[in-house]
């Protein structure tokens, strides 16, 4: 089964950033707290979507689903921390989305190399 790590990386970066942006747009109606909460919830939801798409496209196997989703979610939370502290420049928030893709790939690789219980 082919495993396309580059495609997983790029789709995680794109969808993670998009999920965070759309969530913050939706949350903005509820004030500043809603802006942040919506962005975080949108990005975490996108992490689940990334893992689902990767499974559907056969980039990962079923046993890699949760580690991939968790890796993307941790990468997204790290990207949030960087983006919030670097809002004065667009470079920080844009480059921090690379952490989402890196987290997804590392999660998939960690599950790939984990010992089997069989």
C-alpha atoms as a PDB file:
ATOM      1  CA  UNK A   1       0.000   0.000   0.000  1.00  0.00           C
ATOM      2  CA  UNK A   2       1.596   3.299  -1.048  1.00  0.00           C
ATOM      3  CA  UNK A   3       2.117   5.864   1.660  1.00  0.00           C
ATOM      4  CA  UNK A   4       2.514   9.366   0.368  1.00  0.00           C
ATOM      5  CA  UNK A   5       4.072  11.379   3.197  1.00  0.00           C
ATOM      6  CA  UNK A   6       4.489  14.524   1.083  1.00  0.00           C
ATOM      7  CA  UNK A   7       0.792  14.621   0.233  1.00  0.00           C
ATOM      8  CA  UNK A   8      -0.089  14.044   3.893  1.00  0.00           C
ATOM      9  CA  UNK A   9       2.215  16.905   4.896  1.00  0.00           C
ATOM     10  CA  UNK A  10       0.759  19.378   2.400  1.00  0.00           C
ATOM     11  CA  UNK A  11      -2.882  18.503   3.005  1.00  0.00           C
ATOM     12  CA  UNK A  12      -2.338  18.775   6.783  1.00  0.00           C
ATOM     13  CA  UNK A  13      -0.712  22.207   6.407  1.00  0.00           C
ATOM     14  CA  UNK A  14      -3.441  23.482   4.100  1.00  0.00           C
ATOM     15  CA  UNK A  15      -6.460  22.086   5.928  1.00  0.00           C
ATOM     16  CA  UNK A  16      -5.074  22.857   9.382  1.00  0.00           C
ATOM     17  CA  UNK A  17      -4.530  26.495   8.461  1.00  0.00           C
ATOM     18  CA  UNK A  18      -7.883  26.705   6.709  1.00  0.00           C
ATOM     19  CA  UNK A  19      -9.703  25.107   9.646  1.00  0.00           C
ATOM     20  CA  UNK A  20      -8.111  27.554  12.058  1.00  0.00           C
ATOM     21  CA  UNK A  21      -8.952  30.517   9.847  1.00  0.00           C
ATOM     22  CA  UNK A  22     -12.571  29.507   9.235  1.00  0.00           C
ATOM     23  CA  UNK A  23     -13.083  28.672  12.896  1.00  0.00           C
ATOM     24  CA  UNK A  24     -11.762  32.053  13.977  1.00  0.00           C
ATOM     25  CA  UNK A  25     -13.993  33.800  11.429  1.00  0.00           C
ATOM     26  CA  UNK A  26     -17.031  31.972  12.803  1.00  0.00           C
ATOM     27  CA  UNK A  27     -15.983  32.582  16.402  1.00  0.00           C
ATOM     28  CA  UNK A  28     -15.395  36.297  15.836  1.00  0.00           C
ATOM     29  CA  UNK A  29     -19.129  36.897  16.225  1.00  0.00           C
ATOM     30  CA  UNK A  30     -18.691  35.985  19.907  1.00  0.00           C
ATOM     31  CA  UNK A  31     -15.918  38.472  20.625  1.00  0.00           C
ATOM     32  CA  UNK A  32     -12.208  38.041  21.213  1.00  0.00           C
ATOM     33  CA  UNK A  33     -12.582  34.844  23.260  1.00  0.00           C
ATOM     34  CA  UNK A  34     -14.789  33.389  20.533  1.00  0.00           C
ATOM     35  CA  UNK A  35     -12.196  34.282  17.938  1.00  0.00           C
ATOM     36  CA  UNK A  36      -9.527  32.227  19.708  1.00  0.00           C
ATOM     37  CA  UNK A  37     -11.856  29.371  20.705  1.00  0.00           C
ATOM     38  CA  UNK A  38     -13.283  29.120  17.206  1.00  0.00           C
ATOM     39  CA  UNK A  39      -9.841  29.073  15.658  1.00  0.00           C
ATOM     40  CA  UNK A  40      -8.659  26.325  17.972  1.00  0.00           C
ATOM     41  CA  UNK A  41     -11.787  24.222  17.499  1.00  0.00           C
ATOM     42  CA  UNK A  42     -11.628  24.701  13.738  1.00  0.00           C
ATOM     43  CA  UNK A  43      -8.002  23.616  13.585  1.00  0.00           C
ATOM     44  CA  UNK A  44      -8.540  20.604  15.825  1.00  0.00           C
ATOM     45  CA  UNK A  45     -11.518  19.558  13.692  1.00  0.00           C
ATOM     46  CA  UNK A  46      -9.347  19.919  10.615  1.00  0.00           C
ATOM     47  CA  UNK A  47      -6.804  17.570  12.218  1.00  0.00           C
ATOM     48  CA  UNK A  48      -9.458  14.852  12.326  1.00  0.00           C
ATOM     49  CA  UNK A  49     -10.387  15.603   8.725  1.00  0.00           C
ATOM     50  CA  UNK A  50      -6.737  15.323   7.659  1.00  0.00           C
ATOM     51  CA  UNK A  51      -6.457  11.856   9.180  1.00  0.00           C
ATOM     52  CA  UNK A  52      -9.762  10.799   7.597  1.00  0.00           C
ATOM     53  CA  UNK A  53      -8.646  11.995   4.141  1.00  0.00           C
ATOM     54  CA  UNK A  54      -5.275  10.268   4.554  1.00  0.00           C
ATOM     55  CA  UNK A  55      -7.038   7.014   5.420  1.00  0.00           C
ATOM     56  CA  UNK A  56      -9.456   7.395   2.505  1.00  0.00           C
ATOM     57  CA  UNK A  57      -6.579   8.069   0.063  1.00  0.00           C
ATOM     58  CA  UNK A  58      -4.612   5.107   1.496  1.00  0.00           C
ATOM     59  CA  UNK A  59      -1.733   7.329   2.634  1.00  0.00           C
ATOM     60  CA  UNK A  60      -2.034   5.705   6.056  1.00  0.00           C
ATOM     61  CA  UNK A  61      -3.474   2.431   7.322  1.00  0.00           C
ATOM     62  CA  UNK A  62      -6.290   2.233   9.853  1.00  0.00           C
ATOM     63  CA  UNK A  63      -3.930   1.725  12.795  1.00  0.00           C
ATOM     64  CA  UNK A  64      -2.275   5.071  11.951  1.00  0.00           C
ATOM     65  CA  UNK A  65      -5.506   7.091  12.046  1.00  0.00           C
ATOM     66  CA  UNK A  66      -5.424   8.218  15.697  1.00  0.00           C
ATOM     67  CA  UNK A  67      -1.670   8.845  15.878  1.00  0.00           C
ATOM     68  CA  UNK A  68      -1.906  10.906  12.670  1.00  0.00           C
ATOM     69  CA  UNK A  69      -4.859  12.922  13.992  1.00  0.00           C
ATOM     70  CA  UNK A  70      -3.126  13.419  17.349  1.00  0.00           C
ATOM     71  CA  UNK A  71       0.133  14.478  15.683  1.00  0.00           C
ATOM     72  CA  UNK A  72      -1.692  17.005  13.512  1.00  0.00           C
ATOM     73  CA  UNK A  73      -3.600  18.309  16.548  1.00  0.00           C
ATOM     74  CA  UNK A  74      -0.425  18.730  18.607  1.00  0.00           C
ATOM     75  CA  UNK A  75       1.238  20.424  15.635  1.00  0.00           C
ATOM     76  CA  UNK A  76      -1.761  22.730  15.329  1.00  0.00           C
ATOM     77  CA  UNK A  77      -1.637  23.680  19.006  1.00  0.00           C
ATOM     78  CA  UNK A  78       2.086  24.425  18.694  1.00  0.00           C
ATOM     79  CA  UNK A  79       1.341  26.499  15.584  1.00  0.00           C
ATOM     80  CA  UNK A  80      -1.303  28.410  17.573  1.00  0.00           C
ATOM     81  CA  UNK A  81       1.195  29.244  20.284  1.00  0.00           C
ATOM     82  CA  UNK A  82       3.681  30.551  17.738  1.00  0.00           C
ATOM     83  CA  UNK A  83       1.118  32.429  15.650  1.00  0.00           C
ATOM     84  CA  UNK A  84      -0.423  34.229  18.638  1.00  0.00           C
ATOM     85  CA  UNK A  85       3.002  35.414  19.785  1.00  0.00           C
ATOM     86  CA  UNK A  86       4.044  36.577  16.310  1.00  0.00           C
ATOM     87  CA  UNK A  87       0.940  38.429  15.090  1.00  0.00           C
ATOM     88  CA  UNK A  88       2.975  41.523  14.221  1.00  0.00           C
ATOM     89  CA  UNK A  89       4.361  39.725  11.160  1.00  0.00           C
ATOM     90  CA  UNK A  90       2.518  37.447   8.725  1.00  0.00           C
ATOM     91  CA  UNK A  91       5.577  35.215   8.357  1.00  0.00           C
ATOM     92  CA  UNK A  92       5.268  33.583  11.793  1.00  0.00           C
ATOM     93  CA  UNK A  93       1.642  32.494  11.464  1.00  0.00           C
ATOM     94  CA  UNK A  94       2.137  31.286   7.894  1.00  0.00           C
ATOM     95  CA  UNK A  95       5.288  29.301   8.638  1.00  0.00           C
ATOM     96  CA  UNK A  96       3.817  27.873  11.843  1.00  0.00           C
ATOM     97  CA  UNK A  97       1.327  25.889   9.751  1.00  0.00           C
ATOM     98  CA  UNK A  98       4.278  23.705   8.756  1.00  0.00           C
ATOM     99  CA  UNK A  99       4.103  22.282  12.275  1.00  0.00           C
ATOM    100  CA  UNK A 100       0.671  20.830  11.508  1.00  0.00           C
ATOM    101  CA  UNK A 101       1.982  18.859   8.553  1.00  0.00           C
ATOM    102  CA  UNK A 102       5.073  17.830  10.468  1.00  0.00           C
ATOM    103  CA  UNK A 103       2.950  16.610  13.364  1.00  0.00           C
ATOM    104  CA  UNK A 104       0.715  14.556  11.075  1.00  0.00           C
ATOM    105  CA  UNK A 105       3.688  12.906   9.365  1.00  0.00           C
ATOM    106  CA  UNK A 106       5.455  12.229  12.663  1.00  0.00           C
ATOM    107  CA  UNK A 107       2.267  10.742  14.100  1.00  0.00           C
ATOM    108  CA  UNK A 108       1.869   8.448  11.104  1.00  0.00           C
ATOM    109  CA  UNK A 109       5.526   7.413  11.273  1.00  0.00           C
ATOM    110  CA  UNK A 110       5.370   6.765  15.014  1.00  0.00           C
ATOM    111  CA  UNK A 111       2.412   4.438  14.515  1.00  0.00           C
ATOM    112  CA  UNK A 112       4.176   2.823  11.569  1.00  0.00           C
ATOM    113  CA  UNK A 113       7.222   1.961  13.680  1.00  0.00           C
ATOM    114  CA  UNK A 114       5.346   0.947  16.845  1.00  0.00           C
ATOM    115  CA  UNK A 115       5.692  -2.727  17.769  1.00  0.00           C
ATOM    116  CA  UNK A 116       2.731  -4.926  17.011  1.00  0.00           C
ATOM    117  CA  UNK A 117       0.858  -6.641  19.837  1.00  0.00           C
ATOM    118  CA  UNK A 118       0.066  -9.704  17.724  1.00  0.00           C
END
